[in-house]
Amino acid sequence: MKSGFLFDSHALLAFFQKETGAKTVYNILERSRRQQIDRLICVINLGEIIYVTKKHFGDKKKLEILGRIHQLSFKVLPVPESIVYQAAEIKAEYPLSYADCFAVACAMAHEATIVTGDPEFRNVEHLVKIEWIR
């Protein structure tokens, strides 16, 4: 099934760390659960969450976060060659981190709305729908 909400690492880290925007992320997660809308994350962005969490909080917290992502029924999107090529094209055109380019490419492929608070995504608002958490 296509469509849904694609969460970038910025949004989920804000949620898990109870930072500004966490309540908005919670509300989107609740809305998606009630309306049976897919909750998506690109495997590259999941990797970002893993390394940031481990680096700042250690292995125990990393495993806890991975467990919570699983409990929230996220669908982890793989990165086939077509997404790699699309992300590379986006990176060549826009000032966006390479990992964020994968989120954009996955959102485009799945007709999903990106959930983020990362201002870099303002550069690609014309390419994908974005739901801002702050």
C-alpha atoms as a PDB file:
ATOM      1  CA  MET A   1       0.000   0.000   0.000  1.00  0.00           C
ATOM      2  CA  LYS A   2       1.360   3.396  -0.923  1.00  0.00           C
ATOM      3  CA  SER A   3       1.060   6.626   1.048  1.00  0.00           C
ATOM      4  CA  GLY A   4       1.433   7.211   4.728  1.00  0.00           C
ATOM      5  CA  PHE A   5       3.707   9.207   6.976  1.00  0.00           C
ATOM      6  CA  LEU A   6       7.443   8.861   6.509  1.00  0.00           C
ATOM      7  CA  PHE A   7       9.296   9.945   9.648  1.00  0.00           C
ATOM      8  CA  ASP A   8      12.815  11.276   9.384  1.00  0.00           C
ATOM      9  CA  SER A   9      15.339  10.762  12.167  1.00  0.00           C
ATOM     10  CA  HIS A  10      14.903  14.373  13.329  1.00  0.00           C
ATOM     11  CA  ALA A  11      11.220  13.827  14.138  1.00  0.00           C
ATOM     12  CA  LEU A  12      11.665  10.500  15.896  1.00  0.00           C
ATOM     13  CA  LEU A  13      14.679  11.630  17.902  1.00  0.00           C
ATOM     14  CA  ALA A  14      12.679  14.678  19.049  1.00  0.00           C
ATOM     15  CA  PHE A  15       9.842  12.338  20.056  1.00  0.00           C
ATOM     16  CA  PHE A  16      11.992   9.825  21.924  1.00  0.00           C
ATOM     17  CA  GLN A  17      14.008  12.561  23.664  1.00  0.00           C
ATOM     18  CA  LYS A  18      10.886  14.605  24.528  1.00  0.00           C
ATOM     19  CA  GLU A  19      12.228  17.666  22.735  1.00  0.00           C
ATOM     20  CA  THR A  20      10.292  20.477  21.076  1.00  0.00           C
ATOM     21  CA  GLY A  21       7.900  18.902  18.592  1.00  0.00           C
ATOM     22  CA  ALA A  22       7.513  15.627  20.516  1.00  0.00           C
ATOM     23  CA  LYS A  23       3.804  16.261  21.179  1.00  0.00           C
ATOM     24  CA  THR A  24       3.184  16.903  17.469  1.00  0.00           C
ATOM     25  CA  VAL A  25       4.957  13.643  16.576  1.00  0.00           C
ATOM     26  CA  TYR A  26       2.830  11.838  19.172  1.00  0.00           C
ATOM     27  CA  ASN A  27      -0.339  13.305  17.656  1.00  0.00           C
ATOM     28  CA  ILE A  28       0.682  12.215  14.149  1.00  0.00           C
ATOM     29  CA  LEU A  29       1.484   8.718  15.411  1.00  0.00           C
ATOM     30  CA  GLU A  30      -1.923   8.550  17.108  1.00  0.00           C
ATOM     31  CA  ARG A  31      -3.730   9.843  14.022  1.00  0.00           C
ATOM     32  CA  SER A  32      -1.950   7.320  11.816  1.00  0.00           C
ATOM     33  CA  ARG A  33      -2.856   4.496  14.218  1.00  0.00           C
ATOM     34  CA  ARG A  34      -6.528   5.498  14.388  1.00  0.00           C
ATOM     35  CA  GLN A  35      -6.839   5.994  10.644  1.00  0.00           C
ATOM     36  CA  GLN A  36      -4.684   2.950   9.823  1.00  0.00           C
ATOM     37  CA  ILE A  37      -2.174   5.047   7.895  1.00  0.00           C
ATOM     38  CA  ASP A  38       1.258   3.524   7.375  1.00  0.00           C
ATOM     39  CA  ARG A  39       4.107   4.720   9.570  1.00  0.00           C
ATOM     40  CA  LEU A  40       7.236   4.505   7.443  1.00  0.00           C
ATOM     41  CA  ILE A  41      10.940   4.997   7.960  1.00  0.00           C
ATOM     42  CA  CYS A  42      13.742   4.605   5.434  1.00  0.00           C
ATOM     43  CA  VAL A  43      16.383   2.142   6.614  1.00  0.00           C
ATOM     44  CA  ILE A  44      19.038   4.858   6.134  1.00  0.00           C
ATOM     45  CA  ASN A  45      17.200   7.165   8.552  1.00  0.00           C
ATOM     46  CA  LEU A  46      16.764   4.268  10.965  1.00  0.00           C
ATOM     47  CA  GLY A  47      20.545   3.888  10.828  1.00  0.00           C
ATOM     48  CA  GLU A  48      20.864   7.551  11.797  1.00  0.00           C
ATOM     49  CA  ILE A  49      18.669   6.967  14.840  1.00  0.00           C
ATOM     50  CA  ILE A  50      20.758   3.946  15.824  1.00  0.00           C
ATOM     51  CA  TYR A  51      24.119   5.702  15.643  1.00  0.00           C
ATOM     52  CA  VAL A  52      22.954   8.963  17.252  1.00  0.00           C
ATOM     53  CA  THR A  53      21.282   7.122  20.117  1.00  0.00           C
ATOM     54  CA  LYS A  54      24.250   4.822  20.711  1.00  0.00           C
ATOM     55  CA  LYS A  55      26.729   7.694  20.515  1.00  0.00           C
ATOM     56  CA  HIS A  56      24.882   9.879  23.026  1.00  0.00           C
ATOM     57  CA  PHE A  57      23.115   7.340  25.267  1.00  0.00           C
ATOM     58  CA  GLY A  58      24.733   3.912  24.783  1.00  0.00           C
ATOM     59  CA  ASP A  59      23.665   0.449  23.697  1.00  0.00           C
ATOM     60  CA  LYS A  60      20.870  -0.018  26.241  1.00  0.00           C
ATOM     61  CA  LYS A  61      19.024   3.104  25.064  1.00  0.00           C
ATOM     62  CA  LYS A  62      19.679   2.182  21.409  1.00  0.00           C
ATOM     63  CA  LEU A  63      17.975  -1.184  21.907  1.00  0.00           C
ATOM     64  CA  GLU A  64      15.107   0.463  23.784  1.00  0.00           C
ATOM     65  CA  ILE A  65      14.510   2.897  20.903  1.00  0.00           C
ATOM     66  CA  LEU A  66      14.646   0.093  18.320  1.00  0.00           C
ATOM     67  CA  GLY A  67      12.091  -1.809  20.394  1.00  0.00           C
ATOM     68  CA  ARG A  68       9.803   1.221  20.536  1.00  0.00           C
ATOM     69  CA  ILE A  69      10.025   1.704  16.776  1.00  0.00           C
ATOM     70  CA  HIS A  70       8.988  -1.923  16.364  1.00  0.00           C
ATOM     71  CA  GLN A  71       6.129  -1.517  18.894  1.00  0.00           C
ATOM     72  CA  LEU A  72       4.869   1.503  16.954  1.00  0.00           C
ATOM     73  CA  SER A  73       4.530  -0.773  13.893  1.00  0.00           C
ATOM     74  CA  PHE A  74       6.864   1.173  11.640  1.00  0.00           C
ATOM     75  CA  LYS A  75       7.480  -0.287   8.216  1.00  0.00           C
ATOM     76  CA  VAL A  76      11.187  -0.058   7.496  1.00  0.00           C
ATOM     77  CA  LEU A  77      11.674   0.763   3.835  1.00  0.00           C
ATOM     78  CA  PRO A  78      14.606  -0.882   2.046  1.00  0.00           C
ATOM     79  CA  VAL A  79      16.880   1.040  -0.276  1.00  0.00           C
ATOM     80  CA  PRO A  80      16.908  -0.542  -3.714  1.00  0.00           C
ATOM     81  CA  GLU A  81      19.114   0.854  -6.466  1.00  0.00           C
ATOM     82  CA  SER A  82      16.306   3.040  -7.790  1.00  0.00           C
ATOM     83  CA  ILE A  83      16.117   4.871  -4.443  1.00  0.00           C
ATOM     84  CA  VAL A  84      19.914   5.213  -4.312  1.00  0.00           C
ATOM     85  CA  TYR A  85      19.900   6.824  -7.761  1.00  0.00           C
ATOM     86  CA  GLN A  86      16.994   9.124  -6.845  1.00  0.00           C
ATOM     87  CA  ALA A  87      18.680  10.171  -3.576  1.00  0.00           C
ATOM     88  CA  ALA A  88      21.900  10.926  -5.465  1.00  0.00           C
ATOM     89  CA  GLU A  89      19.996  13.097  -7.946  1.00  0.00           C
ATOM     90  CA  ILE A  90      18.310  14.973  -5.090  1.00  0.00           C
ATOM     91  CA  LYS A  91      21.658  15.486  -3.347  1.00  0.00           C
ATOM     92  CA  ALA A  92      23.167  16.891  -6.543  1.00  0.00           C
ATOM     93  CA  GLU A  93      20.319  19.404  -6.869  1.00  0.00           C
ATOM     94  CA  TYR A  94      19.518  20.514  -3.306  1.00  0.00           C
ATOM     95  CA  PRO A  95      21.397  21.477  -0.127  1.00  0.00           C
ATOM     96  CA  LEU A  96      20.203  18.542   1.953  1.00  0.00           C
ATOM     97  CA  SER A  97      22.102  15.928   3.944  1.00  0.00           C
ATOM     98  CA  TYR A  98      22.612  12.686   2.069  1.00  0.00           C
ATOM     99  CA  ALA A  99      20.508  10.733   4.601  1.00  0.00           C
ATOM    100  CA  ASP A 100      17.676  13.247   4.208  1.00  0.00           C
ATOM    101  CA  CYS A 101      17.831  12.714   0.448  1.00  0.00           C
ATOM    102  CA  PHE A 102      16.938   9.066   1.080  1.00  0.00           C
ATOM    103  CA  ALA A 103      13.912  10.148   3.102  1.00  0.00           C
ATOM    104  CA  VAL A 104      12.800  12.359   0.204  1.00  0.00           C
ATOM    105  CA  ALA A 105      13.367   9.613  -2.369  1.00  0.00           C
ATOM    106  CA  CYS A 106      11.439   7.086  -0.273  1.00  0.00           C
ATOM    107  CA  ALA A 107       8.606   9.561   0.318  1.00  0.00           C
ATOM    108  CA  MET A 108       8.384  10.201  -3.415  1.00  0.00           C
ATOM    109  CA  ALA A 109       8.343   6.474  -4.212  1.00  0.00           C
ATOM    110  CA  HIS A 110       5.632   5.762  -1.625  1.00  0.00           C
ATOM    111  CA  GLU A 111       3.644   8.971  -2.092  1.00  0.00           C
ATOM    112  CA  ALA A 112       4.152   9.597   1.619  1.00  0.00           C
ATOM    113  CA  THR A 113       4.164  12.762   3.697  1.00  0.00           C
ATOM    114  CA  ILE A 114       7.476  13.441   5.443  1.00  0.00           C
ATOM    115  CA  VAL A 115       7.245  14.204   9.160  1.00  0.00           C
ATOM    116  CA  THR A 116      10.141  16.419  10.219  1.00  0.00           C
ATOM    117  CA  GLY A 117      11.272  19.527  12.011  1.00  0.00           C
ATOM    118  CA  ASP A 118      14.539  19.759  10.095  1.00  0.00           C
ATOM    119  CA  PRO A 119      14.633  23.110   8.282  1.00  0.00           C
ATOM    120  CA  GLU A 120      16.778  21.628   5.463  1.00  0.00           C
ATOM    121  CA  PHE A 121      13.577  20.075   4.110  1.00  0.00           C
ATOM    122  CA  ARG A 122      12.302  23.555   3.195  1.00  0.00           C
ATOM    123  CA  ASN A 123      14.552  23.196   0.143  1.00  0.00           C
ATOM    124  CA  VAL A 124      12.409  20.322  -1.179  1.00  0.00           C
ATOM    125  CA  GLU A 125       8.891  21.300  -0.125  1.00  0.00           C
ATOM    126  CA  HIS A 126       7.930  21.467  -3.786  1.00  0.00           C
ATOM    127  CA  LEU A 127       8.896  17.793  -4.267  1.00  0.00           C
ATOM    128  CA  VAL A 128       7.055  16.132  -1.358  1.00  0.00           C
ATOM    129  CA  LYS A 129       4.380  16.830   1.210  1.00  0.00           C
ATOM    130  CA  ILE A 130       5.803  17.765   4.590  1.00  0.00           C
ATOM    131  CA  GLU A 131       4.144  17.798   7.988  1.00  0.00           C
ATOM    132  CA  TRP A 132       6.182  20.066  10.230  1.00  0.00           C
ATOM    133  CA  ILE A 133       6.584  19.192  13.914  1.00  0.00           C
ATOM    134  CA  ARG A 134       7.664  22.723  14.862  1.00  0.00           C
END
